[in-house]
Amino acid sequence: ANETKIRLVASSELGIETYLRRSFAWYNSELWLEDVPPSTRVCVFLSSRDEIVNSRGVTEEISCHNRRVDRGECGGPVVEAAVWEDAGHANCVTNPGRWRDMRERLWAAEEAKVR
């Protein structure tokens, strides 16, 4: 069902399709955690049933990164990962409950930073 929505929106709407194919710099859309300043709070939100992103692989990479940071083997911040078990790609866009979850987690991270 979610995959159908993605296909309909991303491939059938002419403006979005044109932008994604011609204007979006995919090679610039990566983030290397080692390049993020250690003082930066990073929260990653993932959907366990994502049709595009390998959320299990991303979660494993975040866990591996956090272990390396804890051992002092690399720079970068400790990363918080939130995985929505019942969601597909971009489910947060149409789900106000996800908005609240993101807002609460980001506010908690901001409050922890201020302390």
N, C-alpha and C. Protein backbone atom coordinates (compact mmCIF):
# COMPACT_ATOMS: atom_id res chain seq x y z
N ALA A 1 0.83 -1.20 0.00
CA ALA A 1 0.00 0.00 0.00
C ALA A 1 0.87 1.26 0.00
N ASN A 2 1.85 1.33 0.90
CA ASN A 2 2.71 2.50 0.96
C ASN A 2 3.58 2.59 -0.29
N GLU A 3 4.02 1.45 -0.78
CA GLU A 3 4.84 1.43 -2.00
C GLU A 3 4.05 2.01 -3.17
N THR A 4 2.77 1.72 -3.23
CA THR A 4 1.92 2.27 -4.29
C THR A 4 1.83 3.78 -4.18
N LYS A 5 1.68 4.29 -2.95
CA LYS A 5 1.63 5.74 -2.74
C LYS A 5 2.93 6.40 -3.21
N ILE A 6 4.05 5.80 -2.85
CA ILE A 6 5.35 6.35 -3.25
C ILE A 6 5.45 6.39 -4.77
N ARG A 7 5.09 5.29 -5.41
CA ARG A 7 5.17 5.23 -6.87
C ARG A 7 4.26 6.27 -7.50
N LEU A 8 3.04 6.39 -6.99
CA LEU A 8 2.09 7.35 -7.56
C LEU A 8 2.58 8.79 -7.41
N VAL A 9 3.08 9.13 -6.22
CA VAL A 9 3.49 10.51 -5.97
C VAL A 9 4.82 10.81 -6.65
N ALA A 10 5.80 9.94 -6.50
CA ALA A 10 7.14 10.23 -6.99
C ALA A 10 7.31 10.02 -8.49
N SER A 11 6.52 9.16 -9.09
CA SER A 11 6.77 8.89 -10.50
C SER A 11 5.68 9.39 -11.42
N SER A 12 4.53 9.73 -10.89
CA SER A 12 3.48 10.16 -11.80
C SER A 12 3.26 11.67 -11.78
N GLU A 13 3.68 12.35 -10.76
CA GLU A 13 3.53 13.80 -10.72
C GLU A 13 4.74 14.38 -11.44
N LEU A 14 4.50 15.06 -12.53
CA LEU A 14 5.56 15.50 -13.44
C LEU A 14 6.63 16.36 -12.76
N GLY A 15 6.23 17.30 -11.92
CA GLY A 15 7.20 18.18 -11.28
C GLY A 15 8.14 17.43 -10.35
N ILE A 16 7.60 16.52 -9.56
CA ILE A 16 8.42 15.75 -8.63
C ILE A 16 9.35 14.82 -9.40
N GLU A 17 8.81 14.14 -10.39
CA GLU A 17 9.64 13.22 -11.18
C GLU A 17 10.79 13.96 -11.85
N THR A 18 10.50 15.09 -12.44
CA THR A 18 11.54 15.88 -13.12
C THR A 18 12.61 16.32 -12.12
N TYR A 19 12.17 16.82 -10.97
CA TYR A 19 13.13 17.27 -9.97
C TYR A 19 14.02 16.11 -9.51
N LEU A 20 13.41 14.97 -9.16
CA LEU A 20 14.19 13.84 -8.67
C LEU A 20 15.17 13.32 -9.71
N ARG A 21 14.77 13.31 -10.96
CA ARG A 21 15.64 12.77 -12.01
C ARG A 21 16.71 13.76 -12.48
N ARG A 22 16.41 15.05 -12.47
CA ARG A 22 17.32 16.01 -13.08
C ARG A 22 18.00 16.95 -12.10
N SER A 23 17.37 17.25 -10.99
CA SER A 23 17.88 18.31 -10.13
C SER A 23 18.40 17.85 -8.78
N PHE A 24 17.95 16.72 -8.30
CA PHE A 24 18.36 16.27 -6.97
C PHE A 24 19.75 15.66 -7.03
N ALA A 25 20.66 16.20 -6.25
CA ALA A 25 22.04 15.72 -6.26
C ALA A 25 22.17 14.54 -5.30
N TRP A 26 21.89 13.34 -5.79
CA TRP A 26 21.92 12.15 -4.94
C TRP A 26 23.28 11.96 -4.28
N TYR A 27 24.34 12.27 -5.00
CA TYR A 27 25.68 12.07 -4.45
C TYR A 27 25.95 13.00 -3.27
N ASN A 28 25.18 14.06 -3.09
CA ASN A 28 25.34 14.97 -1.95
C ASN A 28 24.41 14.62 -0.79
N SER A 29 23.67 13.55 -0.89
CA SER A 29 22.66 13.25 0.12
C SER A 29 23.15 12.24 1.16
N GLU A 30 24.44 12.08 1.31
CA GLU A 30 24.95 11.16 2.31
C GLU A 30 25.52 11.94 3.49
N LEU A 31 25.44 11.32 4.63
CA LEU A 31 25.97 11.91 5.85
C LEU A 31 26.90 10.89 6.50
N TRP A 32 28.16 11.26 6.66
CA TRP A 32 29.12 10.40 7.34
C TRP A 32 29.18 10.86 8.78
N LEU A 33 28.82 9.97 9.69
CA LEU A 33 28.73 10.35 11.10
C LEU A 33 30.06 10.83 11.65
N GLU A 34 31.16 10.31 11.13
CA GLU A 34 32.48 10.72 11.60
C GLU A 34 32.76 12.19 11.27
N ASP A 35 32.05 12.74 10.29
CA ASP A 35 32.25 14.14 9.89
C ASP A 35 31.39 15.12 10.67
N VAL A 36 30.48 14.62 11.48
CA VAL A 36 29.60 15.49 12.27
C VAL A 36 30.33 15.86 13.56
N PRO A 37 30.35 17.14 13.93
CA PRO A 37 31.03 17.53 15.17
C PRO A 37 30.47 16.78 16.38
N PRO A 38 31.33 16.32 17.29
CA PRO A 38 30.88 15.54 18.45
C PRO A 38 29.84 16.27 19.32
N SER A 39 29.83 17.58 19.31
CA SER A 39 28.88 18.32 20.14
C SER A 39 27.48 18.37 19.53
N THR A 40 27.32 17.88 18.32
CA THR A 40 26.03 17.91 17.64
C THR A 40 25.17 16.73 18.10
N ARG A 41 23.91 17.02 18.41
CA ARG A 41 22.96 15.95 18.76
C ARG A 41 22.36 15.42 17.47
N VAL A 42 22.40 14.11 17.27
CA VAL A 42 21.88 13.51 16.05
C VAL A 42 20.81 12.48 16.41
N CYS A 43 19.63 12.68 15.84
CA CYS A 43 18.52 11.73 15.99
C CYS A 43 18.16 11.25 14.59
N VAL A 44 18.12 9.93 14.41
CA VAL A 44 17.76 9.35 13.12
C VAL A 44 16.45 8.60 13.31
N PHE A 45 15.49 8.90 12.45
CA PHE A 45 14.18 8.27 12.51
C PHE A 45 14.04 7.31 11.34
N LEU A 46 13.72 6.06 11.64
CA LEU A 46 13.65 5.02 10.60
C LEU A 46 12.32 4.28 10.67
N SER A 47 11.92 3.74 9.54
CA SER A 47 10.72 2.90 9.46
C SER A 47 11.16 1.47 9.21
N SER A 48 10.71 0.55 10.05
CA SER A 48 11.18 -0.83 9.94
C SER A 48 10.76 -1.50 8.63
N ARG A 49 9.65 -1.07 8.06
CA ARG A 49 9.18 -1.67 6.81
C ARG A 49 9.39 -0.73 5.63
N ASP A 50 10.47 0.02 5.67
CA ASP A 50 10.77 0.98 4.61
C ASP A 50 11.04 0.26 3.30
N GLU A 51 10.39 0.73 2.25
CA GLU A 51 10.54 0.11 0.94
C GLU A 51 11.76 0.62 0.19
N ILE A 52 12.38 1.69 0.67
CA ILE A 52 13.51 2.29 -0.02
C ILE A 52 14.80 2.20 0.79
N VAL A 53 14.72 2.56 2.07
CA VAL A 53 15.90 2.59 2.94
C VAL A 53 16.05 1.27 3.68
N ASN A 54 17.25 0.74 3.70
CA ASN A 54 17.54 -0.48 4.45
C ASN A 54 17.68 -0.09 5.93
N SER A 55 16.55 0.01 6.62
CA SER A 55 16.57 0.51 7.99
C SER A 55 17.35 -0.41 8.93
N ARG A 56 17.33 -1.70 8.69
CA ARG A 56 18.11 -2.62 9.53
C ARG A 56 19.60 -2.34 9.36
N GLY A 57 20.04 -2.13 8.12
CA GLY A 57 21.44 -1.82 7.86
C GLY A 57 21.85 -0.49 8.47
N VAL A 58 20.97 0.52 8.37
CA VAL A 58 21.27 1.82 8.96
C VAL A 58 21.36 1.70 10.47
N THR A 59 20.45 0.95 11.08
CA THR A 59 20.48 0.75 12.54
C THR A 59 21.77 0.06 12.96
N GLU A 60 22.19 -0.94 12.21
CA GLU A 60 23.45 -1.64 12.51
C GLU A 60 24.64 -0.69 12.38
N GLU A 61 24.64 0.14 11.34
CA GLU A 61 25.73 1.09 11.15
C GLU A 61 25.78 2.11 12.29
N ILE A 62 24.62 2.57 12.73
CA ILE A 62 24.57 3.52 13.86
C ILE A 62 25.10 2.86 15.13
N SER A 63 24.69 1.63 15.40
CA SER A 63 25.18 0.91 16.59
C SER A 63 26.69 0.73 16.54
N CYS A 64 27.21 0.36 15.37
CA CYS A 64 28.65 0.18 15.18
C CYS A 64 29.37 1.50 15.41
N HIS A 65 28.83 2.58 14.83
CA HIS A 65 29.43 3.91 15.02
C HIS A 65 29.45 4.28 16.50
N ASN A 66 28.33 4.09 17.20
CA ASN A 66 28.27 4.44 18.62
C ASN A 66 29.29 3.65 19.44
N ARG A 67 29.48 2.37 19.11
CA ARG A 67 30.50 1.58 19.81
C ARG A 67 31.90 2.13 19.55
N ARG A 68 32.19 2.53 18.30
CA ARG A 68 33.50 3.10 17.98
C ARG A 68 33.72 4.43 18.71
N VAL A 69 32.67 5.25 18.81
CA VAL A 69 32.78 6.52 19.55
C VAL A 69 33.05 6.23 21.02
N ASP A 70 32.31 5.29 21.60
CA ASP A 70 32.50 4.94 23.02
C ASP A 70 33.92 4.46 23.31
N ARG A 71 34.53 3.75 22.34
CA ARG A 71 35.90 3.25 22.52
C ARG A 71 36.94 4.28 22.13
N GLY A 72 36.50 5.45 21.63
CA GLY A 72 37.44 6.50 21.24
C GLY A 72 38.13 6.23 19.91
N GLU A 73 37.56 5.36 19.10
CA GLU A 73 38.17 4.99 17.82
C GLU A 73 37.82 5.93 16.67
N CYS A 74 36.80 6.76 16.86
CA CYS A 74 36.43 7.69 15.79
C CYS A 74 35.76 8.91 16.40
N GLY A 75 35.71 9.96 15.59
CA GLY A 75 35.05 11.18 16.02
C GLY A 75 33.57 11.11 15.73
N GLY A 76 32.93 12.20 15.97
CA GLY A 76 31.50 12.27 15.70
C GLY A 76 30.69 12.08 16.97
N PRO A 77 29.40 12.34 16.88
CA PRO A 77 28.53 12.26 18.04
C PRO A 77 28.00 10.85 18.27
N VAL A 78 27.49 10.60 19.47
CA VAL A 78 26.69 9.41 19.70
C VAL A 78 25.34 9.69 19.07
N VAL A 79 24.82 8.72 18.34
CA VAL A 79 23.60 8.91 17.56
C VAL A 79 22.44 8.16 18.19
N GLU A 80 21.31 8.85 18.34
CA GLU A 80 20.09 8.21 18.81
C GLU A 80 19.29 7.76 17.60
N ALA A 81 18.85 6.51 17.61
CA ALA A 81 18.03 6.01 16.51
C ALA A 81 16.65 5.63 17.05
N ALA A 82 15.63 6.08 16.35
CA ALA A 82 14.26 5.70 16.66
C ALA A 82 13.73 4.91 15.48
N VAL A 83 13.24 3.71 15.75
CA VAL A 83 12.72 2.86 14.68
C VAL A 83 11.23 2.64 14.91
N TRP A 84 10.44 3.05 13.94
CA TRP A 84 8.99 2.82 14.00
C TRP A 84 8.72 1.46 13.40
N GLU A 85 8.29 0.52 14.23
CA GLU A 85 8.14 -0.88 13.82
C GLU A 85 7.00 -1.11 12.83
N ASP A 86 6.03 -0.26 12.81
CA ASP A 86 4.84 -0.51 11.99
C ASP A 86 4.71 0.46 10.82
N ALA A 87 5.82 0.97 10.34
CA ALA A 87 5.75 2.04 9.35
C ALA A 87 6.57 1.73 8.11
N GLY A 88 6.11 2.29 6.99
CA GLY A 88 6.83 2.22 5.73
C GLY A 88 7.49 3.55 5.45
N HIS A 89 8.11 3.66 4.29
CA HIS A 89 8.84 4.86 3.91
C HIS A 89 7.92 6.08 3.92
N ALA A 90 8.40 7.15 4.53
CA ALA A 90 7.71 8.44 4.59
C ALA A 90 6.38 8.39 5.34
N ASN A 91 6.17 7.36 6.15
CA ASN A 91 4.94 7.26 6.92
C ASN A 91 4.75 8.45 7.85
N CYS A 92 5.84 9.05 8.27
CA CYS A 92 5.75 10.19 9.19
C CYS A 92 5.09 11.41 8.54
N VAL A 93 5.09 11.49 7.22
CA VAL A 93 4.53 12.64 6.53
C VAL A 93 3.02 12.74 6.77
N THR A 94 2.35 11.61 6.77
CA THR A 94 0.89 11.61 6.90
C THR A 94 0.40 11.12 8.26
N ASN A 95 1.30 11.01 9.23
CA ASN A 95 0.91 10.47 10.53
C ASN A 95 1.26 11.46 11.64
N PRO A 96 0.28 12.22 12.14
CA PRO A 96 0.55 13.20 13.20
C PRO A 96 1.16 12.58 14.46
N GLY A 97 0.90 11.32 14.72
CA GLY A 97 1.53 10.65 15.87
C GLY A 97 3.04 10.58 15.72
N ARG A 98 3.50 10.40 14.51
CA ARG A 98 4.95 10.39 14.24
C ARG A 98 5.52 11.80 14.43
N TRP A 99 4.76 12.82 14.03
CA TRP A 99 5.22 14.20 14.23
C TRP A 99 5.46 14.44 15.71
N ARG A 100 4.50 14.02 16.55
CA ARG A 100 4.64 14.22 18.00
C ARG A 100 5.86 13.48 18.52
N ASP A 101 6.05 12.24 18.06
CA ASP A 101 7.21 11.46 18.51
C ASP A 101 8.51 12.16 18.14
N MET A 102 8.61 12.64 16.90
CA MET A 102 9.82 13.35 16.48
C MET A 102 10.02 14.61 17.31
N ARG A 103 8.96 15.37 17.49
CA ARG A 103 9.06 16.62 18.25
C ARG A 103 9.50 16.35 19.68
N GLU A 104 8.91 15.36 20.33
CA GLU A 104 9.28 15.04 21.71
C GLU A 104 10.73 14.59 21.82
N ARG A 105 11.18 13.75 20.90
CA ARG A 105 12.57 13.29 20.94
C ARG A 105 13.55 14.44 20.67
N LEU A 106 13.21 15.30 19.72
CA LEU A 106 14.09 16.42 19.42
C LEU A 106 14.12 17.44 20.56
N TRP A 107 12.97 17.67 21.19
CA TRP A 107 12.94 18.57 22.35
C TRP A 107 13.76 17.99 23.50
N ALA A 108 13.64 16.68 23.73
CA ALA A 108 14.43 16.04 24.79
C ALA A 108 15.92 16.17 24.50
N ALA A 109 16.30 15.99 23.24
CA ALA A 109 17.72 16.13 22.86
C ALA A 109 18.18 17.57 23.08
N GLU A 110 17.33 18.53 22.73
CA GLU A 110 17.68 19.95 22.91
C GLU A 110 17.82 20.29 24.40
N GLU A 111 16.90 19.79 25.22
CA GLU A 111 16.98 20.03 26.66
C GLU A 111 18.23 19.42 27.26
N ALA A 112 18.60 18.22 26.81
CA ALA A 112 19.81 17.57 27.31
C ALA A 112 21.05 18.37 26.92
N LYS A 113 21.02 19.00 25.76
CA LYS A 113 22.15 19.80 25.29
C LYS A 113 22.32 21.04 26.14
N VAL A 114 21.20 21.64 26.56
CA VAL A 114 21.24 22.87 27.33
C VAL A 114 21.79 22.63 28.73
N ARG A 115 21.51 21.47 29.28
CA ARG A 115 21.95 21.16 30.66
C ARG A 115 23.41 21.09 30.81
